[in-house]
Amino acid sequence: MRQVIKLILKKKAKTYLILHFASVLIFTFLYWLSDFLEILYPEFSKKYLNDIDQSEGLSSFMYYLWFSLVTQTTVGYSGLQTSSGKTIFITQSDYPYQIINILQIISIFIIPVVTLII
């Protein structure tokens, strides 16, 4: 009986980790896509997305992965800066980032529930 319980817990732990890593990668892509679309359609960005300055271009994949990991682990964004040294506040970010960020934070609560159900 103990072995069965250990196997179930081991499977749940593996499922939990896989879901979190998949979530991080999905949100990494969504953050990148948000910036990509802002650069691709600057007029739309200026009109509807708080006039975000994307003159620096896209950040590296590692930046978006880092941002997604910080959100997923709920560590916090202390000291978040652009490459030019300008401080970024998530509340001043554009709407797609805010929406994606909220969805990712919600996923933090959903993943454990899904893991327990499976």
C-alpha atoms as a PDB file:
ATOM      1  CA  MET A   1       0.000   0.000   0.000  1.00  0.00           C
ATOM      2  CA  ARG A   2       2.849   2.393   0.828  1.00  0.00           C
ATOM      3  CA  GLN A   3       4.448   1.762  -2.534  1.00  0.00           C
ATOM      4  CA  VAL A   4       1.197   2.609  -4.314  1.00  0.00           C
ATOM      5  CA  ILE A   5       0.914   5.883  -2.365  1.00  0.00           C
ATOM      6  CA  LYS A   6       4.555   6.717  -3.146  1.00  0.00           C
ATOM      7  CA  LEU A   7       3.979   6.054  -6.849  1.00  0.00           C
ATOM      8  CA  ILE A   8       0.885   8.275  -6.884  1.00  0.00           C
ATOM      9  CA  LEU A   9       2.711  11.098  -5.097  1.00  0.00           C
ATOM     10  CA  LYS A  10       5.699  10.709  -7.410  1.00  0.00           C
ATOM     11  CA  LYS A  11       3.407  10.922 -10.453  1.00  0.00           C
ATOM     12  CA  LYS A  12       1.650  13.998  -9.038  1.00  0.00           C
ATOM     13  CA  ALA A  13       4.968  15.710  -8.324  1.00  0.00           C
ATOM     14  CA  LYS A  14       6.147  15.017 -11.864  1.00  0.00           C
ATOM     15  CA  THR A  15       2.858  16.321 -13.295  1.00  0.00           C
ATOM     16  CA  TYR A  16       3.102  19.416 -11.095  1.00  0.00           C
ATOM     17  CA  LEU A  17       6.635  20.223 -12.286  1.00  0.00           C
ATOM     18  CA  ILE A  18       5.831  19.562 -15.938  1.00  0.00           C
ATOM     19  CA  LEU A  19       2.781  21.827 -15.779  1.00  0.00           C
ATOM     20  CA  HIS A  20       4.781  24.629 -14.159  1.00  0.00           C
ATOM     21  CA  PHE A  21       7.631  24.390 -16.670  1.00  0.00           C
ATOM     22  CA  ALA A  22       5.170  24.285 -19.565  1.00  0.00           C
ATOM     23  CA  SER A  23       3.382  27.302 -18.118  1.00  0.00           C
ATOM     24  CA  VAL A  24       6.661  29.230 -17.841  1.00  0.00           C
ATOM     25  CA  LEU A  25       7.501  28.481 -21.482  1.00  0.00           C
ATOM     26  CA  ILE A  26       4.028  29.381 -22.737  1.00  0.00           C
ATOM     27  CA  PHE A  27       4.076  32.702 -20.880  1.00  0.00           C
ATOM     28  CA  THR A  28       7.653  33.366 -22.036  1.00  0.00           C
ATOM     29  CA  PHE A  29       6.366  33.152 -25.598  1.00  0.00           C
ATOM     30  CA  LEU A  30       3.341  35.358 -24.817  1.00  0.00           C
ATOM     31  CA  TYR A  31       5.513  38.104 -23.267  1.00  0.00           C
ATOM     32  CA  TRP A  32       7.804  37.986 -26.310  1.00  0.00           C
ATOM     33  CA  LEU A  33       4.808  38.063 -28.666  1.00  0.00           C
ATOM     34  CA  SER A  34       3.397  41.094 -26.858  1.00  0.00           C
ATOM     35  CA  ASP A  35       6.621  43.049 -27.409  1.00  0.00           C
ATOM     36  CA  PHE A  36       6.960  41.777 -30.975  1.00  0.00           C
ATOM     37  CA  LEU A  37       3.475  43.027 -31.884  1.00  0.00           C
ATOM     38  CA  GLU A  38       4.147  46.401 -30.276  1.00  0.00           C
ATOM     39  CA  ILE A  39       7.226  46.813 -32.457  1.00  0.00           C
ATOM     40  CA  LEU A  40       5.453  45.513 -35.558  1.00  0.00           C
ATOM     41  CA  TYR A  41       2.498  47.900 -35.121  1.00  0.00           C
ATOM     42  CA  PRO A  42       3.897  51.075 -33.490  1.00  0.00           C
ATOM     43  CA  GLU A  43       0.848  53.221 -34.345  1.00  0.00           C
ATOM     44  CA  PHE A  44      -1.456  50.781 -32.563  1.00  0.00           C
ATOM     45  CA  SER A  45       0.924  50.758 -29.587  1.00  0.00           C
ATOM     46  CA  LYS A  46       0.977  54.521 -29.319  1.00  0.00           C
ATOM     47  CA  LYS A  47      -2.784  54.795 -29.590  1.00  0.00           C
ATOM     48  CA  TYR A  48      -3.934  51.897 -27.387  1.00  0.00           C
ATOM     49  CA  LEU A  49      -1.029  50.669 -25.265  1.00  0.00           C
ATOM     50  CA  ASN A  50      -0.047  53.626 -23.083  1.00  0.00           C
ATOM     51  CA  ASP A  51       2.462  54.930 -25.630  1.00  0.00           C
ATOM     52  CA  ILE A  52       5.093  52.330 -24.704  1.00  0.00           C
ATOM     53  CA  ASP A  53       8.571  53.149 -26.001  1.00  0.00           C
ATOM     54  CA  GLN A  54       9.948  50.120 -27.839  1.00  0.00           C
ATOM     55  CA  SER A  55      12.900  51.945 -29.384  1.00  0.00           C
ATOM     56  CA  GLU A  56      15.259  49.438 -27.772  1.00  0.00           C
ATOM     57  CA  GLY A  57      13.712  46.582 -29.760  1.00  0.00           C
ATOM     58  CA  LEU A  58      13.057  43.058 -28.571  1.00  0.00           C
ATOM     59  CA  SER A  59      14.916  41.727 -25.566  1.00  0.00           C
ATOM     60  CA  SER A  60      16.655  38.378 -25.633  1.00  0.00           C
ATOM     61  CA  PHE A  61      14.774  35.118 -25.092  1.00  0.00           C
ATOM     62  CA  MET A  62      16.486  34.829 -21.694  1.00  0.00           C
ATOM     63  CA  TYR A  63      14.901  38.116 -20.559  1.00  0.00           C
ATOM     64  CA  TYR A  64      11.389  36.859 -21.322  1.00  0.00           C
ATOM     65  CA  LEU A  65      12.183  33.503 -19.712  1.00  0.00           C
ATOM     66  CA  TRP A  66      13.519  35.289 -16.630  1.00  0.00           C
ATOM     67  CA  PHE A  67      10.447  37.538 -16.422  1.00  0.00           C
ATOM     68  CA  SER A  68       8.167  34.516 -16.728  1.00  0.00           C
ATOM     69  CA  LEU A  69      10.094  32.594 -14.055  1.00  0.00           C
ATOM     70  CA  VAL A  70       9.986  35.555 -11.679  1.00  0.00           C
ATOM     71  CA  THR A  71       6.221  35.741 -12.143  1.00  0.00           C
ATOM     72  CA  GLN A  72       5.691  31.973 -11.842  1.00  0.00           C
ATOM     73  CA  THR A  73       7.731  31.726  -8.666  1.00  0.00           C
ATOM     74  CA  THR A  74       6.172  34.932  -7.252  1.00  0.00           C
ATOM     75  CA  VAL A  75       9.632  36.231  -6.302  1.00  0.00           C
ATOM     76  CA  GLY A  76       8.904  39.820  -7.330  1.00  0.00           C
ATOM     77  CA  TYR A  77      10.286  42.366  -9.764  1.00  0.00           C
ATOM     78  CA  SER A  78      12.588  44.398  -7.555  1.00  0.00           C
ATOM     79  CA  GLY A  79      15.137  46.272  -9.615  1.00  0.00           C
ATOM     80  CA  LEU A  80      13.628  45.503 -13.035  1.00  0.00           C
ATOM     81  CA  GLN A  81      15.440  47.710 -15.573  1.00  0.00           C
ATOM     82  CA  THR A  82      15.885  48.032 -19.304  1.00  0.00           C
ATOM     83  CA  SER A  83      19.323  47.673 -20.862  1.00  0.00           C
ATOM     84  CA  SER A  84      19.625  51.485 -20.861  1.00  0.00           C
ATOM     85  CA  GLY A  85      19.088  51.580 -17.081  1.00  0.00           C
ATOM     86  CA  LYS A  86      15.492  52.860 -17.105  1.00  0.00           C
ATOM     87  CA  THR A  87      13.472  51.345 -14.256  1.00  0.00           C
ATOM     88  CA  ILE A  88      10.380  49.410 -15.300  1.00  0.00           C
ATOM     89  CA  PHE A  89       7.320  49.237 -13.098  1.00  0.00           C
ATOM     90  CA  ILE A  90       4.838  46.508 -14.005  1.00  0.00           C
ATOM     91  CA  THR A  91       1.958  48.891 -13.240  1.00  0.00           C
ATOM     92  CA  GLN A  92       3.281  51.246 -15.920  1.00  0.00           C
ATOM     93  CA  SER A  93       3.630  48.491 -18.461  1.00  0.00           C
ATOM     94  CA  ASP A  94       1.300  48.021 -21.373  1.00  0.00           C
ATOM     95  CA  TYR A  95      -2.070  46.283 -21.192  1.00  0.00           C
ATOM     96  CA  PRO A  96      -1.043  43.015 -22.905  1.00  0.00           C
ATOM     97  CA  TYR A  97       1.737  42.566 -20.317  1.00  0.00           C
ATOM     98  CA  GLN A  98      -0.712  43.241 -17.503  1.00  0.00           C
ATOM     99  CA  ILE A  99      -3.241  40.749 -18.890  1.00  0.00           C
ATOM    100  CA  ILE A 100      -0.607  38.072 -19.543  1.00  0.00           C
ATOM    101  CA  ASN A 101       0.869  38.676 -16.095  1.00  0.00           C
ATOM    102  CA  ILE A 102      -2.525  38.282 -14.407  1.00  0.00           C
ATOM    103  CA  LEU A 103      -3.205  35.085 -16.366  1.00  0.00           C
ATOM    104  CA  GLN A 104       0.149  33.678 -15.350  1.00  0.00           C
ATOM    105  CA  ILE A 105      -0.466  34.491 -11.699  1.00  0.00           C
ATOM    106  CA  ILE A 106      -3.873  32.775 -11.929  1.00  0.00           C
ATOM    107  CA  SER A 107      -2.144  29.720 -13.424  1.00  0.00           C
ATOM    108  CA  ILE A 108      -0.035  29.496 -10.261  1.00  0.00           C
ATOM    109  CA  PHE A 109      -3.231  28.693  -8.355  1.00  0.00           C
ATOM    110  CA  ILE A 110      -4.782  26.494 -11.033  1.00  0.00           C
ATOM    111  CA  ILE A 111      -1.813  24.150 -11.558  1.00  0.00           C
ATOM    112  CA  PRO A 112      -1.881  22.654  -8.026  1.00  0.00           C
ATOM    113  CA  VAL A 113      -5.620  22.044  -8.331  1.00  0.00           C
ATOM    114  CA  VAL A 114      -5.210  20.335 -11.696  1.00  0.00           C
ATOM    115  CA  THR A 115      -2.373  18.247 -10.273  1.00  0.00           C
ATOM    116  CA  LEU A 116      -4.566  17.050  -7.418  1.00  0.00           C
ATOM    117  CA  ILE A 117      -7.443  16.185  -9.755  1.00  0.00           C
ATOM    118  CA  ILE A 118      -5.368  14.195 -12.244  1.00  0.00           C
END
